[in-house]
């Protein structure tokens, strides 16, 4: 534990300065890290959503229907774009209240 900086204050550790609505600009982007979904993600989403259609969990069923792999549920795809998964909540740190609207077309 000798290598810990005695001047480090976790309360002052931030990724970026906090922004407010007037600080943002049209077209500004907030990137989300790339991720790969696997069987465990599909199983967890099936359990949480209660969606038990085999197109989401049975690869042999999917192949019989002409799909090489399982198909992700539309909402499973949408949650991969959750604003909290990227930089947006860090940029809005002090002004962030909550996400009040999101829309998607499938």
PDB file of N, CA and C in Angstrom:
ATOM      1  N   UNK A   1       0.814  -1.193   0.000  1.00  0.00           N
ATOM      2  CA  UNK A   1       0.000   0.000   0.000  1.00  0.00           C
ATOM      3  C   UNK A   1       0.862   1.263   0.000  1.00  0.00           C
ATOM      4  N   UNK A   2       2.169   1.115  -0.053  1.00  0.00           N
ATOM      5  CA  UNK A   2       3.062   2.274  -0.040  1.00  0.00           C
ATOM      6  C   UNK A   2       2.999   3.084  -1.321  1.00  0.00           C
ATOM      7  N   UNK A   3       2.470   2.480  -2.414  1.00  0.00           N
ATOM      8  CA  UNK A   3       2.448   3.186  -3.690  1.00  0.00           C
ATOM      9  C   UNK A   3       1.198   4.047  -3.889  1.00  0.00           C
ATOM     10  N   UNK A   4       0.333   4.173  -2.899  1.00  0.00           N
ATOM     11  CA  UNK A   4      -0.866   5.016  -3.002  1.00  0.00           C
ATOM     12  C   UNK A   4      -0.477   6.476  -2.823  1.00  0.00           C
ATOM     13  N   UNK A   5      -0.937   7.304  -3.732  1.00  0.00           N
ATOM     14  CA  UNK A   5      -0.645   8.739  -3.686  1.00  0.00           C
ATOM     15  C   UNK A   5      -1.418   9.369  -2.529  1.00  0.00           C
ATOM     16  N   UNK A   6      -0.750   9.924  -1.546  1.00  0.00           N
ATOM     17  CA  UNK A   6      -1.444  10.515  -0.396  1.00  0.00           C
ATOM     18  C   UNK A   6      -2.255  11.759  -0.767  1.00  0.00           C
ATOM     19  N   UNK A   7      -1.984  12.347  -1.941  1.00  0.00           N
ATOM     20  CA  UNK A   7      -2.722  13.536  -2.367  1.00  0.00           C
ATOM     21  C   UNK A   7      -3.960  13.198  -3.180  1.00  0.00           C
ATOM     22  N   UNK A   8      -4.151  11.897  -3.494  1.00  0.00           N
ATOM     23  CA  UNK A   8      -5.305  11.501  -4.304  1.00  0.00           C
ATOM     24  C   UNK A   8      -6.575  11.597  -3.482  1.00  0.00           C
ATOM     25  N   UNK A   9      -7.572  12.298  -4.030  1.00  0.00           N
ATOM     26  CA  UNK A   9      -8.873  12.461  -3.377  1.00  0.00           C
ATOM     27  C   UNK A   9      -9.945  11.891  -4.302  1.00  0.00           C
ATOM     28  N   UNK A  10     -10.506  10.723  -3.979  1.00  0.00           N
ATOM     29  CA  UNK A  10     -11.518  10.112  -4.847  1.00  0.00           C
ATOM     30  C   UNK A  10     -12.704  11.029  -5.139  1.00  0.00           C
ATOM     31  N   UNK A  11     -13.048  11.905  -4.227  1.00  0.00           N
ATOM     32  CA  UNK A  11     -14.180  12.814  -4.428  1.00  0.00           C
ATOM     33  C   UNK A  11     -13.905  13.817  -5.547  1.00  0.00           C
ATOM     34  N   UNK A  12     -12.643  14.056  -5.842  1.00  0.00           N
ATOM     35  CA  UNK A  12     -12.279  15.004  -6.901  1.00  0.00           C
ATOM     36  C   UNK A  12     -11.911  14.314  -8.206  1.00  0.00           C
ATOM     37  N   UNK A  13     -11.997  12.992  -8.240  1.00  0.00           N
ATOM     38  CA  UNK A  13     -11.635  12.224  -9.431  1.00  0.00           C
ATOM     39  C   UNK A  13     -12.836  12.171 -10.388  1.00  0.00           C
ATOM     40  N   UNK A  14     -12.720  12.837 -11.525  1.00  0.00           N
ATOM     41  CA  UNK A  14     -13.775  12.855 -12.539  1.00  0.00           C
ATOM     42  C   UNK A  14     -13.141  12.606 -13.909  1.00  0.00           C
ATOM     43  N   UNK A  15     -13.934  12.057 -14.815  1.00  0.00           N
ATOM     44  CA  UNK A  15     -13.432  11.800 -16.161  1.00  0.00           C
ATOM     45  C   UNK A  15     -13.394  13.056 -17.015  1.00  0.00           C
ATOM     46  N   UNK A  16     -14.314  13.970 -16.749  1.00  0.00           N
ATOM     47  CA  UNK A  16     -14.410  15.194 -17.549  1.00  0.00           C
ATOM     48  C   UNK A  16     -15.157  16.240 -16.742  1.00  0.00           C
ATOM     49  N   UNK A  17     -15.047  17.486 -17.156  1.00  0.00           N
ATOM     50  CA  UNK A  17     -15.818  18.539 -16.502  1.00  0.00           C
ATOM     51  C   UNK A  17     -17.297  18.317 -16.767  1.00  0.00           C
ATOM     52  N   UNK A  18     -18.136  18.648 -15.802  1.00  0.00           N
ATOM     53  CA  UNK A  18     -19.576  18.480 -15.941  1.00  0.00           C
ATOM     54  C   UNK A  18     -20.156  19.532 -16.894  1.00  0.00           C
ATOM     55  N   UNK A  19     -21.089  19.101 -17.726  1.00  0.00           N
ATOM     56  CA  UNK A  19     -21.733  19.996 -18.691  1.00  0.00           C
ATOM     57  C   UNK A  19     -23.218  20.129 -18.390  1.00  0.00           C
ATOM     58  N   UNK A  20     -23.782  21.212 -18.860  1.00  0.00           N
ATOM     59  CA  UNK A  20     -25.216  21.470 -18.753  1.00  0.00           C
ATOM     60  C   UNK A  20     -25.771  21.603 -20.165  1.00  0.00           C
ATOM     61  N   UNK A  21     -27.090  21.687 -20.293  1.00  0.00           N
ATOM     62  CA  UNK A  21     -27.744  21.722 -21.597  1.00  0.00           C
ATOM     63  C   UNK A  21     -27.117  22.759 -22.518  1.00  0.00           C
ATOM     64  N   UNK A  22     -26.888  23.942 -21.997  1.00  0.00           N
ATOM     65  CA  UNK A  22     -26.348  25.027 -22.828  1.00  0.00           C
ATOM     66  C   UNK A  22     -24.899  24.766 -23.261  1.00  0.00           C
ATOM     67  N   UNK A  23     -24.230  23.821 -22.624  1.00  0.00           N
ATOM     68  CA  UNK A  23     -22.859  23.469 -22.995  1.00  0.00           C
ATOM     69  C   UNK A  23     -22.801  22.450 -24.133  1.00  0.00           C
ATOM     70  N   UNK A  24     -23.907  21.790 -24.407  1.00  0.00           N
ATOM     71  CA  UNK A  24     -23.939  20.743 -25.432  1.00  0.00           C
ATOM     72  C   UNK A  24     -24.163  21.350 -26.804  1.00  0.00           C
ATOM     73  N   UNK A  25     -23.760  20.620 -27.832  1.00  0.00           N
ATOM     74  CA  UNK A  25     -23.954  21.118 -29.191  1.00  0.00           C
ATOM     75  C   UNK A  25     -24.639  20.044 -30.038  1.00  0.00           C
ATOM     76  N   UNK A  26     -25.405  20.515 -31.009  1.00  0.00           N
ATOM     77  CA  UNK A  26     -26.110  19.624 -31.919  1.00  0.00           C
ATOM     78  C   UNK A  26     -25.100  18.746 -32.650  1.00  0.00           C
ATOM     79  N   UNK A  27     -25.352  17.456 -32.650  1.00  0.00           N
ATOM     80  CA  UNK A  27     -24.459  16.524 -33.323  1.00  0.00           C
ATOM     81  C   UNK A  27     -23.347  15.982 -32.445  1.00  0.00           C
ATOM     82  N   UNK A  28     -23.272  16.461 -31.219  1.00  0.00           N
ATOM     83  CA  UNK A  28     -22.249  15.962 -30.306  1.00  0.00           C
ATOM     84  C   UNK A  28     -22.484  14.471 -30.067  1.00  0.00           C
ATOM     85  N   UNK A  29     -21.416  13.693 -29.992  1.00  0.00           N
ATOM     86  CA  UNK A  29     -21.529  12.244 -29.853  1.00  0.00           C
ATOM     87  C   UNK A  29     -20.968  11.786 -28.510  1.00  0.00           C
ATOM     88  N   UNK A  30     -21.614  10.765 -27.965  1.00  0.00           N
ATOM     89  CA  UNK A  30     -21.176  10.162 -26.708  1.00  0.00           C
ATOM     90  C   UNK A  30     -21.015   8.669 -26.973  1.00  0.00           C
ATOM     91  N   UNK A  31     -19.783   8.237 -27.147  1.00  0.00           N
ATOM     92  CA  UNK A  31     -19.507   6.876 -27.580  1.00  0.00           C
ATOM     93  C   UNK A  31     -19.765   5.856 -26.478  1.00  0.00           C
ATOM     94  N   UNK A  32     -20.148   4.661 -26.913  1.00  0.00           N
ATOM     95  CA  UNK A  32     -20.377   3.524 -26.032  1.00  0.00           C
ATOM     96  C   UNK A  32     -19.403   2.433 -26.473  1.00  0.00           C
ATOM     97  N   UNK A  33     -18.726   1.798 -25.546  1.00  0.00           N
ATOM     98  CA  UNK A  33     -17.767   0.755 -25.930  1.00  0.00           C
ATOM     99  C   UNK A  33     -18.435  -0.381 -26.710  1.00  0.00           C
ATOM    100  N   UNK A  34     -17.686  -0.972 -27.625  1.00  0.00           N
ATOM    101  CA  UNK A  34     -18.155  -2.117 -28.386  1.00  0.00           C
ATOM    102  C   UNK A  34     -18.279  -3.320 -27.463  1.00  0.00           C
ATOM    103  N   UNK A  35     -19.255  -4.181 -27.725  1.00  0.00           N
ATOM    104  CA  UNK A  35     -19.388  -5.406 -26.940  1.00  0.00           C
ATOM    105  C   UNK A  35     -19.941  -6.527 -27.808  1.00  0.00           C
ATOM    106  N   UNK A  36     -19.647  -7.731 -27.425  1.00  0.00           N
ATOM    107  CA  UNK A  36     -20.132  -8.914 -28.120  1.00  0.00           C
ATOM    108  C   UNK A  36     -21.101  -9.649 -27.212  1.00  0.00           C
ATOM    109  N   UNK A  37     -22.284  -9.962 -27.735  1.00  0.00           N
ATOM    110  CA  UNK A  37     -23.266 -10.700 -26.946  1.00  0.00           C
ATOM    111  C   UNK A  37     -23.067 -12.191 -27.130  1.00  0.00           C
ATOM    112  N   UNK A  38     -23.119 -12.938 -26.049  1.00  0.00           N
ATOM    113  CA  UNK A  38     -22.968 -14.385 -26.099  1.00  0.00           C
ATOM    114  C   UNK A  38     -24.176 -15.079 -25.500  1.00  0.00           C
ATOM    115  N   UNK A  39     -24.078 -16.375 -25.377  1.00  0.00           N
ATOM    116  CA  UNK A  39     -25.184 -17.182 -24.851  1.00  0.00           C
ATOM    117  C   UNK A  39     -25.657 -16.707 -23.478  1.00  0.00           C
ATOM    118  N   UNK A  40     -24.726 -16.322 -22.627  1.00  0.00           N
ATOM    119  CA  UNK A  40     -25.103 -15.876 -21.280  1.00  0.00           C
ATOM    120  C   UNK A  40     -25.949 -14.608 -21.337  1.00  0.00           C
ATOM    121  N   UNK A  41     -25.641 -13.704 -22.277  1.00  0.00           N
ATOM    122  CA  UNK A  41     -26.449 -12.487 -22.418  1.00  0.00           C
ATOM    123  C   UNK A  41     -27.874 -12.826 -22.846  1.00  0.00           C
ATOM    124  N   UNK A  42     -27.987 -13.767 -23.795  1.00  0.00           N
ATOM    125  CA  UNK A  42     -29.304 -14.167 -24.264  1.00  0.00           C
ATOM    126  C   UNK A  42     -30.098 -14.821 -23.129  1.00  0.00           C
ATOM    127  N   UNK A  43     -29.434 -15.691 -22.369  1.00  0.00           N
ATOM    128  CA  UNK A  43     -30.111 -16.378 -21.265  1.00  0.00           C
ATOM    129  C   UNK A  43     -30.553 -15.386 -20.191  1.00  0.00           C
ATOM    130  N   UNK A  44     -29.693 -14.428 -19.862  1.00  0.00           N
ATOM    131  CA  UNK A  44     -30.043 -13.432 -18.846  1.00  0.00           C
ATOM    132  C   UNK A  44     -31.215 -12.576 -19.300  1.00  0.00           C
ATOM    133  N   UNK A  45     -31.211 -12.180 -20.569  1.00  0.00           N
ATOM    134  CA  UNK A  45     -32.315 -11.356 -21.057  1.00  0.00           C
ATOM    135  C   UNK A  45     -33.608 -12.153 -21.093  1.00  0.00           C
ATOM    136  N   UNK A  46     -33.526 -13.413 -21.513  1.00  0.00           N
ATOM    137  CA  UNK A  46     -34.724 -14.263 -21.540  1.00  0.00           C
ATOM    138  C   UNK A  46     -35.313 -14.380 -20.136  1.00  0.00           C
ATOM    139  N   UNK A  47     -34.464 -14.582 -19.143  1.00  0.00           N
ATOM    140  CA  UNK A  47     -34.923 -14.697 -17.767  1.00  0.00           C
ATOM    141  C   UNK A  47     -35.556 -13.395 -17.278  1.00  0.00           C
ATOM    142  N   UNK A  48     -34.896 -12.276 -17.556  1.00  0.00           N
ATOM    143  CA  UNK A  48     -35.404 -10.980 -17.086  1.00  0.00           C
ATOM    144  C   UNK A  48     -36.686 -10.561 -17.806  1.00  0.00           C
ATOM    145  N   UNK A  49     -36.785 -10.841 -19.099  1.00  0.00           N
ATOM    146  CA  UNK A  49     -37.932 -10.377 -19.883  1.00  0.00           C
ATOM    147  C   UNK A  49     -39.109 -11.349 -19.865  1.00  0.00           C
ATOM    148  N   UNK A  50     -38.821 -12.625 -19.625  1.00  0.00           N
ATOM    149  CA  UNK A  50     -39.884 -13.629 -19.691  1.00  0.00           C
ATOM    150  C   UNK A  50     -40.211 -14.037 -21.122  1.00  0.00           C
ATOM    151  N   UNK A  51     -39.463 -13.531 -22.090  1.00  0.00           N
ATOM    152  CA  UNK A  51     -39.690 -13.877 -23.495  1.00  0.00           C
ATOM    153  C   UNK A  51     -39.100 -15.257 -23.737  1.00  0.00           C
ATOM    154  N   UNK A  52     -39.970 -16.251 -23.914  1.00  0.00           N
ATOM    155  CA  UNK A  52     -39.483 -17.619 -24.052  1.00  0.00           C
ATOM    156  C   UNK A  52     -39.622 -18.167 -25.466  1.00  0.00           C
ATOM    157  N   UNK A  53     -39.678 -17.277 -26.463  1.00  0.00           N
ATOM    158  CA  UNK A  53     -39.752 -17.750 -27.847  1.00  0.00           C
ATOM    159  C   UNK A  53     -38.409 -18.362 -28.229  1.00  0.00           C
ATOM    160  N   UNK A  54     -38.411 -19.555 -28.838  1.00  0.00           N
ATOM    161  CA  UNK A  54     -37.149 -20.252 -29.137  1.00  0.00           C
ATOM    162  C   UNK A  54     -36.231 -19.522 -30.111  1.00  0.00           C
ATOM    163  N   UNK A  55     -36.714 -18.533 -30.830  1.00  0.00           N
ATOM    164  CA  UNK A  55     -35.839 -17.802 -31.752  1.00  0.00           C
ATOM    165  C   UNK A  55     -34.743 -17.057 -30.993  1.00  0.00           C
ATOM    166  N   UNK A  56     -34.966 -16.839 -29.685  1.00  0.00           N
ATOM    167  CA  UNK A  56     -34.009 -16.109 -28.863  1.00  0.00           C
ATOM    168  C   UNK A  56     -33.078 -17.021 -28.063  1.00  0.00           C
ATOM    169  N   UNK A  57     -33.329 -18.346 -28.039  1.00  0.00           N
ATOM    170  CA  UNK A  57     -32.475 -19.199 -27.215  1.00  0.00           C
ATOM    171  C   UNK A  57     -32.181 -20.580 -27.789  1.00  0.00           C
ATOM    172  N   UNK A  58     -32.790 -20.968 -28.907  1.00  0.00           N
ATOM    173  CA  UNK A  58     -32.601 -22.307 -29.468  1.00  0.00           C
ATOM    174  C   UNK A  58     -31.985 -22.196 -30.864  1.00  0.00           C
ATOM    175  N   UNK A  59     -30.661 -22.400 -30.942  1.00  0.00           N
ATOM    176  CA  UNK A  59     -29.961 -22.203 -32.206  1.00  0.00           C
ATOM    177  C   UNK A  59     -30.442 -23.183 -33.276  1.00  0.00           C
ATOM    178  N   UNK A  60     -30.803 -24.399 -32.905  1.00  0.00           N
ATOM    179  CA  UNK A  60     -31.295 -25.364 -33.898  1.00  0.00           C
ATOM    180  C   UNK A  60     -32.639 -24.917 -34.461  1.00  0.00           C
ATOM    181  N   UNK A  61     -33.501 -24.368 -33.639  1.00  0.00           N
ATOM    182  CA  UNK A  61     -34.775 -23.807 -34.100  1.00  0.00           C
ATOM    183  C   UNK A  61     -34.490 -22.692 -35.108  1.00  0.00           C
ATOM    184  N   UNK A  62     -33.541 -21.829 -34.763  1.00  0.00           N
ATOM    185  CA  UNK A  62     -33.194 -20.707 -35.646  1.00  0.00           C
ATOM    186  C   UNK A  62     -32.683 -21.208 -36.994  1.00  0.00           C
ATOM    187  N   UNK A  63     -31.835 -22.218 -36.967  1.00  0.00           N
ATOM    188  CA  UNK A  63     -31.295 -22.766 -38.220  1.00  0.00           C
ATOM    189  C   UNK A  63     -32.395 -23.362 -39.090  1.00  0.00           C
ATOM    190  N   UNK A  64     -33.364 -24.031 -38.454  1.00  0.00           N
ATOM    191  CA  UNK A  64     -34.489 -24.574 -39.226  1.00  0.00           C
ATOM    192  C   UNK A  64     -35.307 -23.456 -39.874  1.00  0.00           C
ATOM    193  N   UNK A  65     -35.267 -22.276 -39.291  1.00  0.00           N
ATOM    194  CA  UNK A  65     -35.999 -21.114 -39.824  1.00  0.00           C
ATOM    195  C   UNK A  65     -35.146 -20.280 -40.772  1.00  0.00           C
ATOM    196  N   UNK A  66     -33.899 -20.739 -41.041  1.00  0.00           N
ATOM    197  CA  UNK A  66     -33.039 -20.044 -41.991  1.00  0.00           C
ATOM    198  C   UNK A  66     -32.094 -19.029 -41.400  1.00  0.00           C
ATOM    199  N   UNK A  67     -31.958 -19.000 -40.079  1.00  0.00           N
ATOM    200  CA  UNK A  67     -31.042 -18.072 -39.414  1.00  0.00           C
ATOM    201  C   UNK A  67     -29.847 -18.853 -38.898  1.00  0.00           C
ATOM    202  N   UNK A  68     -28.615 -18.394 -39.157  1.00  0.00           N
ATOM    203  CA  UNK A  68     -27.432 -19.148 -38.731  1.00  0.00           C
ATOM    204  C   UNK A  68     -27.225 -19.152 -37.214  1.00  0.00           C
ATOM    205  N   UNK A  69     -27.738 -18.148 -36.528  1.00  0.00           N
ATOM    206  CA  UNK A  69     -27.581 -18.031 -35.072  1.00  0.00           C
ATOM    207  C   UNK A  69     -28.882 -17.557 -34.456  1.00  0.00           C
ATOM    208  N   UNK A  70     -28.888 -17.474 -33.127  1.00  0.00           N
ATOM    209  CA  UNK A  70     -30.062 -16.962 -32.422  1.00  0.00           C
ATOM    210  C   UNK A  70     -30.245 -15.481 -32.758  1.00  0.00           C
ATOM    211  N   UNK A  71     -31.477 -15.029 -32.673  1.00  0.00           N
ATOM    212  CA  UNK A  71     -31.774 -13.622 -32.913  1.00  0.00           C
ATOM    213  C   UNK A  71     -32.000 -12.915 -31.585  1.00  0.00           C
ATOM    214  N   UNK A  72     -31.349 -11.789 -31.422  1.00  0.00           N
ATOM    215  CA  UNK A  72     -31.533 -11.000 -30.210  1.00  0.00           C
ATOM    216  C   UNK A  72     -32.919 -10.360 -30.235  1.00  0.00           C
ATOM    217  N   UNK A  73     -33.528 -10.280 -29.094  1.00  0.00           N
ATOM    218  CA  UNK A  73     -34.795  -9.579 -28.934  1.00  0.00           C
ATOM    219  C   UNK A  73     -34.544  -8.098 -29.214  1.00  0.00           C
ATOM    220  N   UNK A  74     -35.503  -7.415 -29.803  1.00  0.00           N
ATOM    221  CA  UNK A  74     -35.326  -5.998 -30.117  1.00  0.00           C
ATOM    222  C   UNK A  74     -34.930  -5.168 -28.913  1.00  0.00           C
ATOM    223  N   UNK A  75     -35.568  -5.416 -27.775  1.00  0.00           N
ATOM    224  CA  UNK A  75     -35.227  -4.651 -26.583  1.00  0.00           C
ATOM    225  C   UNK A  75     -33.838  -5.009 -26.061  1.00  0.00           C
ATOM    226  N   UNK A  76     -33.390  -6.231 -26.331  1.00  0.00           N
ATOM    227  CA  UNK A  76     -32.030  -6.600 -25.937  1.00  0.00           C
ATOM    228  C   UNK A  76     -31.017  -5.777 -26.729  1.00  0.00           C
ATOM    229  N   UNK A  77     -31.340  -5.470 -27.958  1.00  0.00           N
ATOM    230  CA  UNK A  77     -30.471  -4.618 -28.773  1.00  0.00           C
ATOM    231  C   UNK A  77     -30.519  -3.186 -28.247  1.00  0.00           C
ATOM    232  N   UNK A  78     -31.721  -2.694 -27.942  1.00  0.00           N
ATOM    233  CA  UNK A  78     -31.875  -1.312 -27.461  1.00  0.00           C
ATOM    234  C   UNK A  78     -31.104  -1.081 -26.167  1.00  0.00           C
ATOM    235  N   UNK A  79     -31.121  -2.058 -25.252  1.00  0.00           N
ATOM    236  CA  UNK A  79     -30.435  -1.824 -23.972  1.00  0.00           C
ATOM    237  C   UNK A  79     -28.929  -1.712 -24.144  1.00  0.00           C
ATOM    238  N   UNK A  80     -28.407  -2.168 -25.268  1.00  0.00           N
ATOM    239  CA  UNK A  80     -26.974  -2.024 -25.518  1.00  0.00           C
ATOM    240  C   UNK A  80     -26.608  -0.561 -25.790  1.00  0.00           C
ATOM    241  N   UNK A  81     -27.604   0.260 -26.027  1.00  0.00           N
ATOM    242  CA  UNK A  81     -27.367   1.685 -26.267  1.00  0.00           C
ATOM    243  C   UNK A  81     -27.723   2.527 -25.045  1.00  0.00           C
ATOM    244  N   UNK A  82     -27.860   1.902 -23.897  1.00  0.00           N
ATOM    245  CA  UNK A  82     -28.216   2.636 -22.678  1.00  0.00           C
ATOM    246  C   UNK A  82     -27.240   3.785 -22.464  1.00  0.00           C
ATOM    247  N   UNK A  83     -27.790   4.932 -22.177  1.00  0.00           N
ATOM    248  CA  UNK A  83     -26.922   6.114 -22.037  1.00  0.00           C
ATOM    249  C   UNK A  83     -25.893   5.965 -20.921  1.00  0.00           C
ATOM    250  N   UNK A  84     -26.203   5.180 -19.914  1.00  0.00           N
ATOM    251  CA  UNK A  84     -25.268   4.978 -18.814  1.00  0.00           C
ATOM    252  C   UNK A  84     -24.078   4.113 -19.173  1.00  0.00           C
ATOM    253  N   UNK A  85     -24.134   3.464 -20.334  1.00  0.00           N
ATOM    254  CA  UNK A  85     -23.041   2.581 -20.740  1.00  0.00           C
ATOM    255  C   UNK A  85     -21.898   3.341 -21.412  1.00  0.00           C
ATOM    256  N   UNK A  86     -22.065   4.616 -21.633  1.00  0.00           N
ATOM    257  CA  UNK A  86     -21.040   5.397 -22.311  1.00  0.00           C
ATOM    258  C   UNK A  86     -20.608   6.605 -21.503  1.00  0.00           C
ATOM    259  N   UNK A  87     -20.179   7.622 -22.206  1.00  0.00           N
ATOM    260  CA  UNK A  87     -19.638   8.824 -21.562  1.00  0.00           C
ATOM    261  C   UNK A  87     -20.701   9.838 -21.147  1.00  0.00           C
ATOM    262  N   UNK A  88     -21.921   9.738 -21.699  1.00  0.00           N
ATOM    263  CA  UNK A  88     -22.940  10.760 -21.428  1.00  0.00           C
ATOM    264  C   UNK A  88     -23.152  11.054 -19.942  1.00  0.00           C
ATOM    265  N   UNK A  89     -23.347  10.060 -19.077  1.00  0.00           N
ATOM    266  CA  UNK A  89     -23.581  10.418 -17.676  1.00  0.00           C
ATOM    267  C   UNK A  89     -22.374  11.081 -17.013  1.00  0.00           C
ATOM    268  N   UNK A  90     -21.181  10.815 -17.523  1.00  0.00           N
ATOM    269  CA  UNK A  90     -19.992  11.464 -16.968  1.00  0.00           C
ATOM    270  C   UNK A  90     -19.909  12.924 -17.427  1.00  0.00           C
ATOM    271  N   UNK A  91     -20.326  13.169 -18.674  1.00  0.00           N
ATOM    272  CA  UNK A  91     -20.325  14.539 -19.207  1.00  0.00           C
ATOM    273  C   UNK A  91     -21.401  15.373 -18.508  1.00  0.00           C
ATOM    274  N   UNK A  92     -22.548  14.763 -18.211  1.00  0.00           N
ATOM    275  CA  UNK A  92     -23.656  15.485 -17.577  1.00  0.00           C
ATOM    276  C   UNK A  92     -23.623  15.408 -16.056  1.00  0.00           C
ATOM    277  N   UNK A  93     -22.561  14.891 -15.502  1.00  0.00           N
ATOM    278  CA  UNK A  93     -22.427  14.560 -14.081  1.00  0.00           C
ATOM    279  C   UNK A  93     -23.306  15.375 -13.133  1.00  0.00           C
ATOM    280  N   UNK A  94     -23.088  16.670 -13.031  1.00  0.00           N
ATOM    281  CA  UNK A  94     -23.808  17.480 -12.049  1.00  0.00           C
ATOM    282  C   UNK A  94     -25.225  17.839 -12.487  1.00  0.00           C
ATOM    283  N   UNK A  95     -25.508  17.781 -13.782  1.00  0.00           N
ATOM    284  CA  UNK A  95     -26.836  18.170 -14.265  1.00  0.00           C
ATOM    285  C   UNK A  95     -27.729  16.967 -14.581  1.00  0.00           C
ATOM    286  N   UNK A  96     -27.187  15.764 -14.455  1.00  0.00           N
ATOM    287  CA  UNK A  96     -27.950  14.556 -14.802  1.00  0.00           C
ATOM    288  C   UNK A  96     -29.044  14.294 -13.779  1.00  0.00           C
ATOM    289  N   UNK A  97     -30.265  14.221 -14.267  1.00  0.00           N
ATOM    290  CA  UNK A  97     -31.406  13.903 -13.409  1.00  0.00           C
ATOM    291  C   UNK A  97     -31.894  12.501 -13.736  1.00  0.00           C
ATOM    292  N   UNK A  98     -32.139  12.230 -15.004  1.00  0.00           N
ATOM    293  CA  UNK A  98     -32.591  10.911 -15.417  1.00  0.00           C
ATOM    294  C   UNK A  98     -32.946  10.897 -16.882  1.00  0.00           C
ATOM    295  N   UNK A  99     -32.938   9.720 -17.446  1.00  0.00           N
ATOM    296  CA  UNK A  99     -33.352   9.540 -18.836  1.00  0.00           C
ATOM    297  C   UNK A  99     -34.874   9.465 -18.837  1.00  0.00           C
ATOM    298  N   UNK A 100     -35.522  10.381 -19.547  1.00  0.00           N
ATOM    299  CA  UNK A 100     -36.984  10.409 -19.496  1.00  0.00           C
ATOM    300  C   UNK A 100     -37.649   9.938 -20.783  1.00  0.00           C
ATOM    301  N   UNK A 101     -36.876   9.740 -21.846  1.00  0.00           N
ATOM    302  CA  UNK A 101     -37.496   9.271 -23.092  1.00  0.00           C
ATOM    303  C   UNK A 101     -36.464   8.590 -23.972  1.00  0.00           C
ATOM    304  N   UNK A 102     -36.898   7.501 -24.574  1.00  0.00           N
ATOM    305  CA  UNK A 102     -36.100   6.822 -25.580  1.00  0.00           C
ATOM    306  C   UNK A 102     -37.088   6.170 -26.520  1.00  0.00           C
ATOM    307  N   UNK A 103     -36.779   6.177 -27.802  1.00  0.00           N
ATOM    308  CA  UNK A 103     -37.676   5.539 -28.752  1.00  0.00           C
ATOM    309  C   UNK A 103     -36.873   4.653 -29.676  1.00  0.00           C
ATOM    310  N   UNK A 104     -37.546   3.658 -30.225  1.00  0.00           N
ATOM    311  CA  UNK A 104     -36.885   2.728 -31.130  1.00  0.00           C
ATOM    312  C   UNK A 104     -37.917   2.167 -32.104  1.00  0.00           C
ATOM    313  N   UNK A 105     -37.461   1.854 -33.277  1.00  0.00           N
ATOM    314  CA  UNK A 105     -38.290   1.171 -34.264  1.00  0.00           C
ATOM    315  C   UNK A 105     -37.659  -0.170 -34.558  1.00  0.00           C
ATOM    316  N   UNK A 106     -38.494  -1.214 -34.676  1.00  0.00           N
ATOM    317  CA  UNK A 106     -37.987  -2.549 -34.962  1.00  0.00           C
ATOM    318  C   UNK A 106     -38.485  -2.984 -36.323  1.00  0.00           C
TER     319      UNK A 106
END
